[in-house]
Amino acid sequence: MKKVLVLHGVNLNMFGKRDPHHYGTESLDDINAAIQQLADELEVNVTVFQTNHEGEMVEQIHQAFDDQISAVVINAGAWTHYSYAIRDALAILTVPIIEVHMSHIHAREAFRHQSVFAE
């Protein structure tokens, strides 16, 4: 069975409470439940992880390498724009990495337009 790691970054635990205009009204628990439902339908083993601590995110990515994860889906939140530590950790992996966002980063403030993961 394929194993997918879904990573939620800094402040994403506040979905449903923080700026619903940009992020909607669903909570992170709601989002995770939808992810799990889709994973069950696709017969994929999914692990979901959220942290507000950059080092914990790096450790989880390192663990993904050891666990032979099949793919990673990451919404790093604000870390998207400046975390070279997370970028370097992701570069260790040899599996597909999919970067997602809950808002259109190119339609937001200028500092949000750049993703260090996409460079």
C-alpha atoms as a PDB file:
ATOM      1  CA  MET A   1       0.000   0.000   0.000  1.00  0.00           C
ATOM      2  CA  LYS A   2       1.301   3.449  -0.868  1.00  0.00           C
ATOM      3  CA  LYS A   3       2.156   5.716   2.062  1.00  0.00           C
ATOM      4  CA  VAL A   4       1.574   9.457   1.804  1.00  0.00           C
ATOM      5  CA  LEU A   5       2.702  12.014   4.359  1.00  0.00           C
ATOM      6  CA  VAL A   6       0.622  15.194   4.625  1.00  0.00           C
ATOM      7  CA  LEU A   7       2.445  18.035   6.374  1.00  0.00           C
ATOM      8  CA  HIS A   8       0.707  21.107   7.762  1.00  0.00           C
ATOM      9  CA  GLY A   9       2.991  23.925   8.839  1.00  0.00           C
ATOM     10  CA  VAL A  10       3.000  26.908  11.108  1.00  0.00           C
ATOM     11  CA  ASN A  11      -0.364  28.429  12.142  1.00  0.00           C
ATOM     12  CA  LEU A  12      -2.372  25.934  10.104  1.00  0.00           C
ATOM     13  CA  ASN A  13      -3.889  24.573  13.300  1.00  0.00           C
ATOM     14  CA  MET A  14      -5.852  27.856  13.288  1.00  0.00           C
ATOM     15  CA  PHE A  15      -7.842  27.069  10.120  1.00  0.00           C
ATOM     16  CA  GLY A  16     -11.483  27.938  10.665  1.00  0.00           C
ATOM     17  CA  LYS A  17     -10.530  30.641  13.160  1.00  0.00           C
ATOM     18  CA  ARG A  18      -7.945  32.723  11.308  1.00  0.00           C
ATOM     19  CA  ASP A  19      -8.841  35.057   8.441  1.00  0.00           C
ATOM     20  CA  PRO A  20     -11.735  33.092   6.901  1.00  0.00           C
ATOM     21  CA  HIS A  21     -11.673  35.422   3.872  1.00  0.00           C
ATOM     22  CA  HIS A  22      -8.361  33.855   2.799  1.00  0.00           C
ATOM     23  CA  TYR A  23      -8.491  30.447   4.455  1.00  0.00           C
ATOM     24  CA  GLY A  24     -12.167  29.497   4.654  1.00  0.00           C
ATOM     25  CA  THR A  25     -14.148  28.283   7.638  1.00  0.00           C
ATOM     26  CA  GLU A  26     -13.186  24.611   7.765  1.00  0.00           C
ATOM     27  CA  SER A  27     -11.042  23.556  10.700  1.00  0.00           C
ATOM     28  CA  LEU A  28      -7.845  21.560  10.325  1.00  0.00           C
ATOM     29  CA  ASP A  29      -9.745  18.581  11.762  1.00  0.00           C
ATOM     30  CA  ASP A  30     -12.334  18.973   8.964  1.00  0.00           C
ATOM     31  CA  ILE A  31      -9.580  19.107   6.347  1.00  0.00           C
ATOM     32  CA  ASN A  32      -7.813  16.090   7.823  1.00  0.00           C
ATOM     33  CA  ALA A  33     -11.076  14.111   7.862  1.00  0.00           C
ATOM     34  CA  ALA A  34     -11.572  14.852   4.151  1.00  0.00           C
ATOM     35  CA  ILE A  35      -7.979  13.800   3.443  1.00  0.00           C
ATOM     36  CA  GLN A  36      -8.488  10.549   5.351  1.00  0.00           C
ATOM     37  CA  GLN A  37     -11.752   9.824   3.527  1.00  0.00           C
ATOM     38  CA  LEU A  38     -10.065  10.285   0.148  1.00  0.00           C
ATOM     39  CA  ALA A  39      -7.108   8.150   1.237  1.00  0.00           C
ATOM     40  CA  ASP A  40      -9.487   5.364   2.273  1.00  0.00           C
ATOM     41  CA  GLU A  41     -11.247   5.534  -1.104  1.00  0.00           C
ATOM     42  CA  LEU A  42      -7.893   5.358  -2.911  1.00  0.00           C
ATOM     43  CA  GLU A  43      -6.562   2.653  -0.584  1.00  0.00           C
ATOM     44  CA  VAL A  44      -3.632   4.834   0.434  1.00  0.00           C
ATOM     45  CA  ASN A  45      -2.120   4.909   3.909  1.00  0.00           C
ATOM     46  CA  VAL A  46      -1.959   8.563   4.953  1.00  0.00           C
ATOM     47  CA  THR A  47      -0.161  10.122   7.898  1.00  0.00           C
ATOM     48  CA  VAL A  48      -1.061  13.705   8.788  1.00  0.00           C
ATOM     49  CA  PHE A  49       1.264  15.918  10.831  1.00  0.00           C
ATOM     50  CA  GLN A  50       0.989  19.554  11.929  1.00  0.00           C
ATOM     51  CA  THR A  51       3.486  21.599  13.896  1.00  0.00           C
ATOM     52  CA  ASN A  52       4.294  25.197  14.691  1.00  0.00           C
ATOM     53  CA  HIS A  53       7.959  24.310  15.278  1.00  0.00           C
ATOM     54  CA  GLU A  54      10.321  24.275  12.307  1.00  0.00           C
ATOM     55  CA  GLY A  55      12.695  21.711  13.793  1.00  0.00           C
ATOM     56  CA  GLU A  56       9.820  19.281  14.369  1.00  0.00           C
ATOM     57  CA  MET A  57       8.845  19.650  10.707  1.00  0.00           C
ATOM     58  CA  VAL A  58      12.415  18.875   9.634  1.00  0.00           C
ATOM     59  CA  GLU A  59      12.499  15.817  11.917  1.00  0.00           C
ATOM     60  CA  GLN A  60       9.206  14.564  10.446  1.00  0.00           C
ATOM     61  CA  ILE A  61      10.612  14.911   6.928  1.00  0.00           C
ATOM     62  CA  HIS A  62      13.734  12.993   7.961  1.00  0.00           C
ATOM     63  CA  GLN A  63      11.478  10.282   9.397  1.00  0.00           C
ATOM     64  CA  ALA A  64       9.622  10.130   6.070  1.00  0.00           C
ATOM     65  CA  PHE A  65      12.901   9.158   4.416  1.00  0.00           C
ATOM     66  CA  ASP A  66      13.430   6.356   6.941  1.00  0.00           C
ATOM     67  CA  ASP A  67       9.786   5.228   6.653  1.00  0.00           C
ATOM     68  CA  GLN A  68      10.009   4.986   2.855  1.00  0.00           C
ATOM     69  CA  ILE A  69       7.055   7.285   2.280  1.00  0.00           C
ATOM     70  CA  SER A  70       5.703   7.165  -1.303  1.00  0.00           C
ATOM     71  CA  ALA A  71       4.883  10.887  -1.567  1.00  0.00           C
ATOM     72  CA  VAL A  72       4.666  14.069   0.495  1.00  0.00           C
ATOM     73  CA  VAL A  73       1.983  16.748   0.368  1.00  0.00           C
ATOM     74  CA  ILE A  74       3.061  19.918   2.173  1.00  0.00           C
ATOM     75  CA  ASN A  75       1.412  23.182   3.100  1.00  0.00           C
ATOM     76  CA  ALA A  76       4.220  24.802   5.037  1.00  0.00           C
ATOM     77  CA  GLY A  77       2.309  28.003   5.749  1.00  0.00           C
ATOM     78  CA  ALA A  78       4.615  30.996   6.170  1.00  0.00           C
ATOM     79  CA  TRP A  79       7.670  28.707   6.096  1.00  0.00           C
ATOM     80  CA  THR A  80       7.008  28.439   2.344  1.00  0.00           C
ATOM     81  CA  HIS A  81       8.569  31.845   1.895  1.00  0.00           C
ATOM     82  CA  TYR A  82      11.774  31.539   3.898  1.00  0.00           C
ATOM     83  CA  SER A  83      12.539  28.106   5.383  1.00  0.00           C
ATOM     84  CA  TYR A  84      15.649  26.820   3.708  1.00  0.00           C
ATOM     85  CA  ALA A  85      15.904  24.252   6.515  1.00  0.00           C
ATOM     86  CA  ILE A  86      12.643  22.643   5.395  1.00  0.00           C
ATOM     87  CA  ARG A  87      13.636  23.019   1.747  1.00  0.00           C
ATOM     88  CA  ASP A  88      16.922  21.207   2.403  1.00  0.00           C
ATOM     89  CA  ALA A  89      15.134  18.444   4.322  1.00  0.00           C
ATOM     90  CA  LEU A  90      12.677  17.946   1.450  1.00  0.00           C
ATOM     91  CA  ALA A  91      15.609  17.767  -0.986  1.00  0.00           C
ATOM     92  CA  ILE A  92      16.775  14.605   0.794  1.00  0.00           C
ATOM     93  CA  LEU A  93      13.635  12.794  -0.325  1.00  0.00           C
ATOM     94  CA  THR A  94      13.491  11.004  -3.669  1.00  0.00           C
ATOM     95  CA  VAL A  95       9.692  10.816  -3.864  1.00  0.00           C
ATOM     96  CA  PRO A  96       7.133  13.225  -5.342  1.00  0.00           C
ATOM     97  CA  ILE A  97       6.604  16.331  -3.210  1.00  0.00           C
ATOM     98  CA  ILE A  98       3.437  18.329  -3.778  1.00  0.00           C
ATOM     99  CA  GLU A  99       3.253  21.873  -2.420  1.00  0.00           C
ATOM    100  CA  VAL A 100      -0.269  23.141  -1.687  1.00  0.00           C
ATOM    101  CA  HIS A 101      -1.757  26.340  -0.274  1.00  0.00           C
ATOM    102  CA  MET A 102      -5.150  27.331   1.111  1.00  0.00           C
ATOM    103  CA  SER A 103      -4.999  30.723  -0.580  1.00  0.00           C
ATOM    104  CA  HIS A 104      -3.680  32.027  -3.884  1.00  0.00           C
ATOM    105  CA  ILE A 105      -0.191  33.142  -2.802  1.00  0.00           C
ATOM    106  CA  HIS A 106       0.342  35.185  -5.971  1.00  0.00           C
ATOM    107  CA  ALA A 107      -2.783  37.247  -5.280  1.00  0.00           C
ATOM    108  CA  ARG A 108      -1.663  38.113  -1.751  1.00  0.00           C
ATOM    109  CA  GLU A 109       1.032  40.346  -0.264  1.00  0.00           C
ATOM    110  CA  ALA A 110       4.270  40.539  -2.260  1.00  0.00           C
ATOM    111  CA  PHE A 111       6.275  38.654   0.374  1.00  0.00           C
ATOM    112  CA  ARG A 112       4.000  35.630  -0.137  1.00  0.00           C
ATOM    113  CA  HIS A 113       4.627  35.370  -3.895  1.00  0.00           C
ATOM    114  CA  GLN A 114       7.878  33.415  -3.626  1.00  0.00           C
ATOM    115  CA  SER A 115       8.155  29.796  -2.529  1.00  0.00           C
ATOM    116  CA  VAL A 116      11.637  28.657  -1.539  1.00  0.00           C
ATOM    117  CA  PHE A 117      10.466  25.089  -2.197  1.00  0.00           C
ATOM    118  CA  ALA A 118       9.667  25.842  -5.839  1.00  0.00           C
ATOM    119  CA  GLU A 119      13.022  27.512  -6.592  1.00  0.00           C
END
